[in-house]
Amino acid sequence: MAQIDLEIHSRILSVVKTCEKRGLSALDVISDVVSSVIRKQSYSDMFNLIKTESSHLW
């Protein structure tokens, strides 16, 4: 397997594991991202990784 194939495989598995932990459908998340990329649109922050002003309230 080429290095790039291993990197893609690793990233997909990471998304799948994260979806499992968060109770999300990996197929839905990956499909949404791929569809957005094909349409050349931005995709949402599926895992809420981007901090917003409201997330800084303690």
Protein backbone atom coordinates (compact mmCIF):
# COMPACT_ATOMS: atom_id res chain seq x y z
CA MET A 1 0.00 0.00 0.00
CA ALA A 2 1.34 3.42 -0.90
CA GLN A 3 2.05 5.95 1.84
CA ILE A 4 -0.82 8.22 0.72
CA ASP A 5 -3.22 5.26 0.90
CA LEU A 6 -2.12 4.55 4.45
CA GLU A 7 -2.66 8.18 5.44
CA ILE A 8 -6.16 8.25 3.94
CA HIS A 9 -6.99 4.93 5.59
CA SER A 10 -5.77 6.21 8.94
CA ARG A 11 -7.79 9.42 8.68
CA ILE A 12 -10.98 7.57 7.74
CA LEU A 13 -10.53 5.18 10.67
CA SER A 14 -10.02 8.18 12.95
CA VAL A 15 -13.32 9.68 11.78
CA VAL A 16 -15.08 6.34 12.27
CA LYS A 17 -13.73 5.96 15.83
CA THR A 18 -14.64 9.55 16.71
CA CYS A 19 -18.17 9.02 15.37
CA GLU A 20 -18.51 5.84 17.46
CA LYS A 21 -17.46 7.70 20.61
CA ARG A 22 -19.89 10.55 19.92
CA GLY A 23 -22.82 8.39 18.84
CA LEU A 24 -22.78 9.68 15.27
CA SER A 25 -23.17 7.79 12.03
CA ALA A 26 -19.75 7.59 10.38
CA LEU A 27 -21.39 7.05 7.00
CA ASP A 28 -23.49 10.21 7.40
CA VAL A 29 -20.52 12.31 8.54
CA ILE A 30 -18.22 11.11 5.76
CA SER A 31 -20.99 11.45 3.16
CA ASP A 32 -21.73 15.03 4.27
CA VAL A 33 -18.07 16.01 4.08
CA VAL A 34 -17.48 14.37 0.69
CA SER A 35 -20.67 15.90 -0.76
CA SER A 36 -19.63 19.36 0.45
CA VAL A 37 -16.16 18.98 -1.02
CA ILE A 38 -17.58 17.86 -4.38
CA ARG A 39 -19.93 20.89 -4.38
CA LYS A 40 -16.96 23.08 -3.38
CA GLN A 41 -18.78 24.23 -0.27
CA SER A 42 -17.57 24.39 3.29
CA TYR A 43 -18.80 21.66 5.59
CA SER A 44 -19.98 22.00 9.15
CA ASP A 45 -17.86 21.31 12.20
CA MET A 46 -19.21 17.78 12.73
CA PHE A 47 -17.37 17.24 16.01
CA ASN A 48 -17.69 20.78 17.44
CA LEU A 49 -13.92 21.23 17.36
CA ILE A 50 -14.01 24.91 16.46
CA LYS A 51 -14.28 27.03 19.57
CA THR A 52 -16.84 29.81 19.54
CA GLU A 53 -17.36 32.71 21.89
CA SER A 54 -20.14 30.85 23.70
CA SER A 55 -17.89 27.85 24.33
CA HIS A 56 -15.58 30.01 26.44
CA LEU A 57 -18.20 30.64 29.13
CA TRP A 58 -17.10 28.98 32.37
